[in-house]
């Protein structure tokens, strides 16, 4: 297995966003795209372009706002759907309310201008995510969110 894992610390909460790539094929996934600003997103996009990566999936460990703030950027620029637990999907669509609760109304208003439609796909325990010559396996770890 020849995987590269690149971590980016983003947004006011300092969430970790990861780009995991299969070195031989240059296929990559983004995990927990938490970019709050266009500038943060551009930094990740620059890395993807500079490494010659082909982003194939957007994976969300859960859908608290700090882990999915950048999902709209990924959907807009790469046409990818947010993949998460079925139990976490609804929370993805309440991101504005979550931001207002934790960061205030000003941050929520800022977010409104950056939001782009995000479509979701359900992931479940045991799913296999193919990434070039590698495979990632989904392990359900409920408890941090409302997911059962």
N, C-alpha and C. Protein backbone atom coordinates (compact mmCIF):
# COMPACT_ATOMS: atom_id res chain seq x y z
N UNK A 1 0.86 -1.18 0.00
CA UNK A 1 0.00 0.00 0.00
C UNK A 1 0.90 1.23 0.00
N UNK A 2 0.71 2.09 -0.98
CA UNK A 2 1.51 3.30 -1.11
C UNK A 2 0.62 4.52 -1.00
N UNK A 3 0.24 4.83 0.23
CA UNK A 3 -0.63 5.98 0.45
C UNK A 3 0.17 7.15 1.02
N UNK A 4 -0.25 8.34 0.63
CA UNK A 4 0.28 9.57 1.19
C UNK A 4 -0.87 10.27 1.91
N UNK A 5 -0.63 10.74 3.12
CA UNK A 5 -1.64 11.44 3.89
C UNK A 5 -1.13 12.85 4.18
N UNK A 6 -1.86 13.84 3.69
CA UNK A 6 -1.51 15.25 3.90
C UNK A 6 -2.58 15.88 4.77
N UNK A 7 -2.15 16.51 5.87
CA UNK A 7 -3.08 17.15 6.81
C UNK A 7 -3.04 18.66 6.64
N UNK A 8 -4.22 19.28 6.65
CA UNK A 8 -4.37 20.73 6.64
C UNK A 8 -5.20 21.12 7.86
N UNK A 9 -4.74 22.09 8.62
CA UNK A 9 -5.50 22.59 9.76
C UNK A 9 -6.25 23.83 9.27
N UNK A 10 -7.59 23.79 9.39
CA UNK A 10 -8.43 24.84 8.80
C UNK A 10 -9.52 25.31 9.75
N UNK A 11 -10.11 26.41 9.45
CA UNK A 11 -11.25 27.07 10.07
C UNK A 11 -10.95 27.52 11.50
N UNK A 12 -11.82 28.35 12.06
CA UNK A 12 -11.56 28.89 13.40
C UNK A 12 -11.47 27.82 14.51
N UNK A 13 -12.01 26.64 14.26
CA UNK A 13 -11.97 25.56 15.25
C UNK A 13 -10.65 24.78 15.13
N UNK A 14 -9.89 25.02 14.07
CA UNK A 14 -8.64 24.32 13.77
C UNK A 14 -8.86 22.82 13.57
N UNK A 15 -9.79 22.52 12.68
CA UNK A 15 -10.14 21.15 12.33
C UNK A 15 -9.10 20.60 11.37
N UNK A 16 -8.91 19.30 11.40
CA UNK A 16 -7.97 18.63 10.49
C UNK A 16 -8.70 18.10 9.27
N UNK A 17 -8.29 18.59 8.10
CA UNK A 17 -8.77 18.07 6.82
C UNK A 17 -7.63 17.26 6.23
N UNK A 18 -7.96 16.11 5.65
CA UNK A 18 -6.93 15.24 5.10
C UNK A 18 -7.16 15.01 3.61
N UNK A 19 -6.07 14.96 2.88
CA UNK A 19 -6.09 14.49 1.50
C UNK A 19 -5.24 13.23 1.48
N UNK A 20 -5.89 12.12 1.18
CA UNK A 20 -5.21 10.82 1.14
C UNK A 20 -5.10 10.43 -0.32
N UNK A 21 -3.88 10.13 -0.75
CA UNK A 21 -3.67 9.80 -2.16
C UNK A 21 -2.92 8.49 -2.30
N UNK A 22 -3.25 7.79 -3.37
CA UNK A 22 -2.55 6.57 -3.77
C UNK A 22 -1.42 7.02 -4.68
N UNK A 23 -0.18 6.84 -4.25
CA UNK A 23 0.96 7.40 -4.98
C UNK A 23 1.09 6.91 -6.43
N UNK A 24 0.97 5.61 -6.68
CA UNK A 24 1.17 5.17 -8.07
C UNK A 24 0.12 5.71 -9.05
N UNK A 25 -1.14 5.81 -8.62
CA UNK A 25 -2.20 6.20 -9.55
C UNK A 25 -2.58 7.67 -9.47
N UNK A 26 -2.17 8.35 -8.38
CA UNK A 26 -2.51 9.77 -8.14
C UNK A 26 -3.99 9.98 -7.84
N UNK A 27 -4.74 8.88 -7.57
CA UNK A 27 -6.12 9.04 -7.13
C UNK A 27 -6.11 9.51 -5.68
N UNK A 28 -7.08 10.36 -5.33
CA UNK A 28 -7.11 10.91 -3.98
C UNK A 28 -8.53 11.08 -3.48
N UNK A 29 -8.66 11.10 -2.16
CA UNK A 29 -9.93 11.42 -1.51
C UNK A 29 -9.65 12.56 -0.54
N UNK A 30 -10.67 13.37 -0.29
CA UNK A 30 -10.58 14.38 0.74
C UNK A 30 -11.45 13.92 1.90
N UNK A 31 -10.92 14.02 3.11
CA UNK A 31 -11.64 13.59 4.29
C UNK A 31 -11.88 14.79 5.20
N UNK A 32 -13.13 15.02 5.54
CA UNK A 32 -13.55 16.11 6.42
C UNK A 32 -13.11 17.49 5.90
N UNK A 33 -13.67 17.91 4.76
CA UNK A 33 -13.29 19.21 4.19
C UNK A 33 -13.86 20.37 5.04
N UNK A 34 -13.05 20.88 5.94
CA UNK A 34 -13.51 21.90 6.88
C UNK A 34 -13.18 23.33 6.51
N UNK A 35 -12.80 23.60 5.28
CA UNK A 35 -12.40 24.95 4.86
C UNK A 35 -13.52 25.95 5.09
N UNK A 36 -13.20 27.03 5.79
CA UNK A 36 -14.19 28.06 6.09
C UNK A 36 -14.16 29.19 5.07
N UNK A 37 -13.00 29.45 4.49
CA UNK A 37 -12.86 30.55 3.54
C UNK A 37 -12.38 30.05 2.20
N UNK A 38 -12.59 30.89 1.21
CA UNK A 38 -12.09 30.58 -0.14
C UNK A 38 -10.56 30.45 -0.12
N UNK A 39 -9.89 31.25 0.70
CA UNK A 39 -8.42 31.19 0.79
C UNK A 39 -7.95 29.84 1.33
N UNK A 40 -8.64 29.34 2.36
CA UNK A 40 -8.27 28.02 2.87
C UNK A 40 -8.48 26.95 1.81
N UNK A 41 -9.60 27.05 1.10
CA UNK A 41 -9.89 26.08 0.05
C UNK A 41 -8.86 26.16 -1.06
N UNK A 42 -8.45 27.36 -1.44
CA UNK A 42 -7.44 27.51 -2.49
C UNK A 42 -6.12 26.85 -2.11
N UNK A 43 -5.77 26.90 -0.83
CA UNK A 43 -4.53 26.24 -0.35
C UNK A 43 -4.62 24.73 -0.58
N UNK A 44 -5.77 24.13 -0.30
CA UNK A 44 -5.94 22.70 -0.53
C UNK A 44 -5.95 22.38 -2.02
N UNK A 45 -6.67 23.20 -2.77
CA UNK A 45 -6.74 22.98 -4.22
C UNK A 45 -5.35 23.10 -4.87
N UNK A 46 -4.57 24.05 -4.39
CA UNK A 46 -3.20 24.22 -4.91
C UNK A 46 -2.40 22.94 -4.67
N UNK A 47 -2.52 22.36 -3.49
CA UNK A 47 -1.82 21.11 -3.19
C UNK A 47 -2.27 20.01 -4.14
N UNK A 48 -3.57 19.87 -4.33
CA UNK A 48 -4.11 18.84 -5.23
C UNK A 48 -3.55 19.01 -6.64
N UNK A 49 -3.56 20.25 -7.13
CA UNK A 49 -3.05 20.53 -8.48
C UNK A 49 -1.54 20.31 -8.57
N UNK A 50 -0.80 20.81 -7.58
CA UNK A 50 0.66 20.71 -7.60
C UNK A 50 1.13 19.26 -7.56
N UNK A 51 0.38 18.40 -6.88
CA UNK A 51 0.74 16.99 -6.80
C UNK A 51 0.20 16.17 -7.97
N UNK A 52 -0.59 16.81 -8.84
CA UNK A 52 -1.18 16.12 -9.98
C UNK A 52 -2.21 15.07 -9.58
N UNK A 53 -2.94 15.34 -8.49
CA UNK A 53 -3.90 14.37 -7.97
C UNK A 53 -5.24 14.47 -8.67
N UNK A 54 -5.92 13.34 -8.71
CA UNK A 54 -7.28 13.26 -9.25
C UNK A 54 -8.20 12.95 -8.07
N UNK A 55 -8.93 13.98 -7.60
CA UNK A 55 -9.81 13.83 -6.45
C UNK A 55 -11.06 13.05 -6.87
N UNK A 56 -11.29 11.90 -6.22
CA UNK A 56 -12.39 11.02 -6.64
C UNK A 56 -13.55 10.95 -5.65
N UNK A 57 -13.30 11.26 -4.37
CA UNK A 57 -14.37 11.15 -3.38
C UNK A 57 -14.19 12.17 -2.26
N UNK A 58 -15.31 12.51 -1.64
CA UNK A 58 -15.33 13.39 -0.47
C UNK A 58 -15.95 12.58 0.68
N UNK A 59 -15.13 12.25 1.67
CA UNK A 59 -15.56 11.42 2.77
C UNK A 59 -15.68 12.26 4.05
N UNK A 60 -16.76 12.08 4.78
CA UNK A 60 -16.99 12.84 6.00
C UNK A 60 -17.12 11.86 7.17
N UNK A 61 -16.21 11.97 8.13
CA UNK A 61 -16.28 11.07 9.28
C UNK A 61 -17.55 11.33 10.07
N UNK A 62 -17.99 12.59 10.08
CA UNK A 62 -19.27 12.98 10.66
C UNK A 62 -19.58 14.38 10.14
N UNK A 63 -20.74 14.91 10.48
CA UNK A 63 -21.15 16.16 9.83
C UNK A 63 -21.30 17.34 10.79
N UNK A 64 -20.50 17.36 11.86
CA UNK A 64 -20.45 18.60 12.62
C UNK A 64 -19.88 19.67 11.69
N UNK A 65 -20.35 20.91 11.86
CA UNK A 65 -20.03 21.98 10.91
C UNK A 65 -18.54 22.13 10.63
N UNK A 66 -17.69 21.97 11.64
CA UNK A 66 -16.27 22.20 11.42
C UNK A 66 -15.64 21.16 10.50
N UNK A 67 -16.30 20.03 10.32
CA UNK A 67 -15.78 18.98 9.45
C UNK A 67 -16.34 19.05 8.03
N UNK A 68 -17.36 19.87 7.80
CA UNK A 68 -17.99 19.91 6.47
C UNK A 68 -18.15 21.33 5.91
N UNK A 69 -17.55 22.32 6.56
CA UNK A 69 -17.68 23.69 6.05
C UNK A 69 -17.27 23.81 4.59
N UNK A 70 -16.29 23.04 4.16
CA UNK A 70 -15.79 23.12 2.79
C UNK A 70 -16.44 22.16 1.82
N UNK A 71 -17.46 21.44 2.25
CA UNK A 71 -18.11 20.48 1.36
C UNK A 71 -18.65 21.16 0.10
N UNK A 72 -19.15 22.36 0.24
CA UNK A 72 -19.66 23.09 -0.92
C UNK A 72 -18.57 23.44 -1.91
N UNK A 73 -17.37 23.78 -1.41
CA UNK A 73 -16.25 24.06 -2.31
C UNK A 73 -15.89 22.81 -3.12
N UNK A 74 -15.85 21.67 -2.43
CA UNK A 74 -15.50 20.41 -3.11
C UNK A 74 -16.56 20.07 -4.15
N UNK A 75 -17.83 20.23 -3.78
CA UNK A 75 -18.93 19.94 -4.72
C UNK A 75 -18.84 20.88 -5.92
N UNK A 76 -18.60 22.15 -5.67
CA UNK A 76 -18.54 23.15 -6.74
C UNK A 76 -17.38 22.88 -7.71
N UNK A 77 -16.19 22.63 -7.17
CA UNK A 77 -15.00 22.56 -8.02
C UNK A 77 -14.68 21.17 -8.55
N UNK A 78 -15.17 20.13 -7.87
CA UNK A 78 -14.86 18.76 -8.30
C UNK A 78 -16.10 17.93 -8.60
N UNK A 79 -17.28 18.47 -8.34
CA UNK A 79 -18.52 17.76 -8.63
C UNK A 79 -18.73 16.51 -7.78
N UNK A 80 -18.12 16.49 -6.59
CA UNK A 80 -18.23 15.31 -5.74
C UNK A 80 -19.36 15.45 -4.73
N UNK A 81 -19.90 14.31 -4.33
CA UNK A 81 -20.95 14.26 -3.31
C UNK A 81 -20.29 14.01 -1.95
N UNK A 82 -20.90 14.53 -0.90
CA UNK A 82 -20.42 14.28 0.46
C UNK A 82 -20.89 12.89 0.88
N UNK A 83 -19.95 12.05 1.27
CA UNK A 83 -20.27 10.69 1.69
C UNK A 83 -20.13 10.61 3.20
N UNK A 84 -21.22 10.17 3.86
CA UNK A 84 -21.24 10.11 5.32
C UNK A 84 -22.27 9.07 5.75
N UNK A 85 -22.31 8.85 7.05
CA UNK A 85 -23.31 7.94 7.61
C UNK A 85 -24.72 8.45 7.30
N UNK A 86 -25.62 7.55 7.02
CA UNK A 86 -27.01 7.90 6.77
C UNK A 86 -27.57 8.70 7.95
N UNK A 87 -27.19 8.32 9.17
CA UNK A 87 -27.68 9.00 10.36
C UNK A 87 -27.15 10.42 10.51
N UNK A 88 -26.07 10.76 9.82
CA UNK A 88 -25.47 12.10 9.91
C UNK A 88 -25.91 13.03 8.78
N UNK A 89 -26.60 12.52 7.79
CA UNK A 89 -26.92 13.32 6.61
C UNK A 89 -27.74 14.56 6.93
N UNK A 90 -28.76 14.45 7.75
CA UNK A 90 -29.62 15.59 8.04
C UNK A 90 -28.83 16.74 8.67
N UNK A 91 -27.89 16.39 9.52
CA UNK A 91 -27.09 17.42 10.20
C UNK A 91 -26.27 18.24 9.20
N UNK A 92 -25.90 17.65 8.09
CA UNK A 92 -25.15 18.39 7.06
C UNK A 92 -25.94 19.59 6.57
N UNK A 93 -27.25 19.47 6.53
CA UNK A 93 -28.10 20.54 6.01
C UNK A 93 -28.49 21.58 7.05
N UNK A 94 -27.98 21.43 8.27
CA UNK A 94 -28.23 22.43 9.32
C UNK A 94 -26.94 23.16 9.69
N UNK A 95 -26.01 23.17 8.77
CA UNK A 95 -24.70 23.76 9.04
C UNK A 95 -24.79 25.22 9.46
N UNK A 96 -25.64 26.01 8.82
CA UNK A 96 -25.78 27.42 9.17
C UNK A 96 -26.19 27.60 10.61
N UNK A 97 -27.10 26.78 11.09
CA UNK A 97 -27.55 26.85 12.48
C UNK A 97 -26.42 26.45 13.43
N UNK A 98 -25.65 25.44 13.05
CA UNK A 98 -24.53 25.01 13.88
C UNK A 98 -23.48 26.11 14.00
N UNK A 99 -23.16 26.75 12.87
CA UNK A 99 -22.17 27.82 12.87
C UNK A 99 -22.64 28.98 13.73
N UNK A 100 -23.90 29.37 13.61
CA UNK A 100 -24.44 30.47 14.41
C UNK A 100 -24.35 30.14 15.90
N UNK A 101 -24.62 28.90 16.27
CA UNK A 101 -24.59 28.51 17.68
C UNK A 101 -23.17 28.57 18.26
N UNK A 102 -22.19 28.13 17.48
CA UNK A 102 -20.83 28.03 18.00
C UNK A 102 -19.95 29.24 17.69
N UNK A 103 -20.16 29.88 16.55
CA UNK A 103 -19.29 30.98 16.14
C UNK A 103 -20.00 32.32 16.05
N UNK A 104 -21.32 32.34 16.19
CA UNK A 104 -22.07 33.59 16.17
C UNK A 104 -22.71 33.87 14.82
N UNK A 105 -23.62 34.84 14.85
CA UNK A 105 -24.38 35.22 13.64
C UNK A 105 -23.49 35.77 12.54
N UNK A 106 -22.44 36.54 12.90
CA UNK A 106 -21.56 37.11 11.88
C UNK A 106 -20.94 36.00 11.04
N UNK A 107 -20.43 34.97 11.69
CA UNK A 107 -19.83 33.85 10.97
C UNK A 107 -20.87 33.14 10.11
N UNK A 108 -22.09 32.99 10.63
CA UNK A 108 -23.15 32.33 9.87
C UNK A 108 -23.50 33.14 8.63
N UNK A 109 -23.54 34.47 8.75
CA UNK A 109 -23.82 35.33 7.58
C UNK A 109 -22.70 35.20 6.55
N UNK A 110 -21.44 35.15 7.02
CA UNK A 110 -20.30 34.98 6.12
C UNK A 110 -20.43 33.66 5.35
N UNK A 111 -20.87 32.64 6.04
CA UNK A 111 -21.01 31.32 5.44
C UNK A 111 -22.06 31.30 4.35
N UNK A 112 -23.14 32.06 4.51
CA UNK A 112 -24.23 32.05 3.52
C UNK A 112 -23.72 32.36 2.12
N UNK A 113 -22.78 33.28 2.01
CA UNK A 113 -22.25 33.65 0.70
C UNK A 113 -21.35 32.60 0.09
N UNK A 114 -20.88 31.66 0.90
CA UNK A 114 -19.95 30.63 0.43
C UNK A 114 -20.62 29.29 0.18
N UNK A 115 -21.87 29.15 0.58
CA UNK A 115 -22.53 27.85 0.50
C UNK A 115 -22.86 27.47 -0.93
N UNK A 116 -22.64 26.24 -1.22
CA UNK A 116 -22.96 25.67 -2.53
C UNK A 116 -23.73 24.38 -2.27
N UNK A 117 -24.64 24.01 -3.15
CA UNK A 117 -25.43 22.80 -2.90
C UNK A 117 -24.54 21.56 -2.77
N UNK A 118 -24.87 20.73 -1.80
CA UNK A 118 -24.12 19.50 -1.56
C UNK A 118 -25.09 18.34 -1.58
N UNK A 119 -24.79 17.35 -2.38
CA UNK A 119 -25.57 16.12 -2.44
C UNK A 119 -24.85 15.08 -1.59
N UNK A 120 -25.60 14.21 -0.95
CA UNK A 120 -25.00 13.22 -0.07
C UNK A 120 -25.18 11.79 -0.57
N UNK A 121 -24.26 10.96 -0.14
CA UNK A 121 -24.30 9.53 -0.41
C UNK A 121 -24.02 8.83 0.92
N UNK A 122 -24.77 7.78 1.22
CA UNK A 122 -24.62 7.09 2.51
C UNK A 122 -23.44 6.12 2.49
N UNK A 123 -22.68 6.17 3.57
CA UNK A 123 -21.64 5.17 3.84
C UNK A 123 -22.10 4.35 5.02
N UNK A 124 -21.71 3.06 5.03
CA UNK A 124 -22.09 2.22 6.16
C UNK A 124 -20.94 1.29 6.53
N UNK A 125 -21.04 0.78 7.73
CA UNK A 125 -20.05 -0.18 8.25
C UNK A 125 -19.75 -1.25 7.20
N UNK A 126 -18.47 -1.48 6.95
CA UNK A 126 -18.06 -2.53 6.03
C UNK A 126 -17.89 -2.09 4.59
N UNK A 127 -18.36 -0.88 4.23
CA UNK A 127 -18.15 -0.41 2.85
C UNK A 127 -16.66 -0.36 2.55
N UNK A 128 -16.32 -0.65 1.31
CA UNK A 128 -14.94 -0.61 0.85
C UNK A 128 -14.78 0.57 -0.11
N UNK A 129 -13.81 1.40 0.17
CA UNK A 129 -13.54 2.56 -0.68
C UNK A 129 -12.25 2.28 -1.42
N UNK A 130 -12.37 2.13 -2.73
CA UNK A 130 -11.17 1.87 -3.54
C UNK A 130 -10.50 3.18 -3.87
N UNK A 131 -9.20 3.20 -3.65
CA UNK A 131 -8.40 4.39 -3.90
C UNK A 131 -7.16 3.94 -4.65
N UNK A 132 -7.26 3.99 -5.97
CA UNK A 132 -6.15 3.48 -6.79
C UNK A 132 -5.90 2.03 -6.49
N UNK A 133 -4.67 1.70 -6.09
CA UNK A 133 -4.30 0.32 -5.77
C UNK A 133 -4.59 -0.03 -4.31
N UNK A 134 -5.18 0.88 -3.58
CA UNK A 134 -5.43 0.70 -2.15
C UNK A 134 -6.93 0.60 -1.87
N UNK A 135 -7.22 0.10 -0.68
CA UNK A 135 -8.61 0.00 -0.24
C UNK A 135 -8.71 0.54 1.19
N UNK A 136 -9.74 1.34 1.42
CA UNK A 136 -10.05 1.84 2.75
C UNK A 136 -11.36 1.18 3.17
N UNK A 137 -11.48 0.82 4.43
CA UNK A 137 -12.68 0.16 4.92
C UNK A 137 -13.38 1.06 5.92
N UNK A 138 -14.69 1.19 5.78
CA UNK A 138 -15.49 2.02 6.66
C UNK A 138 -15.76 1.27 7.95
N UNK A 139 -15.45 1.94 9.06
CA UNK A 139 -15.73 1.40 10.39
C UNK A 139 -16.62 2.42 11.09
N UNK A 140 -17.82 2.01 11.44
CA UNK A 140 -18.75 2.91 12.13
C UNK A 140 -18.26 3.15 13.55
N UNK A 141 -18.21 4.41 13.95
CA UNK A 141 -17.81 4.76 15.31
C UNK A 141 -18.80 5.78 15.85
N UNK A 142 -20.04 5.39 16.07
CA UNK A 142 -21.05 6.34 16.53
C UNK A 142 -20.76 6.81 17.96
N UNK A 143 -21.36 7.93 18.30
CA UNK A 143 -21.23 8.43 19.65
C UNK A 143 -20.89 9.91 19.71
N UNK A 144 -20.10 10.41 18.77
CA UNK A 144 -19.71 11.82 18.77
C UNK A 144 -20.85 12.70 18.21
N UNK A 145 -21.71 12.13 17.39
CA UNK A 145 -22.82 12.85 16.80
C UNK A 145 -24.11 12.12 17.15
N UNK A 146 -25.19 12.55 16.52
CA UNK A 146 -26.48 11.92 16.77
C UNK A 146 -26.61 10.56 16.09
N UNK A 147 -25.67 10.23 15.23
CA UNK A 147 -25.73 8.95 14.53
C UNK A 147 -25.81 7.81 15.54
N UNK A 148 -26.59 6.82 15.22
CA UNK A 148 -26.79 5.68 16.14
C UNK A 148 -25.70 4.65 15.97
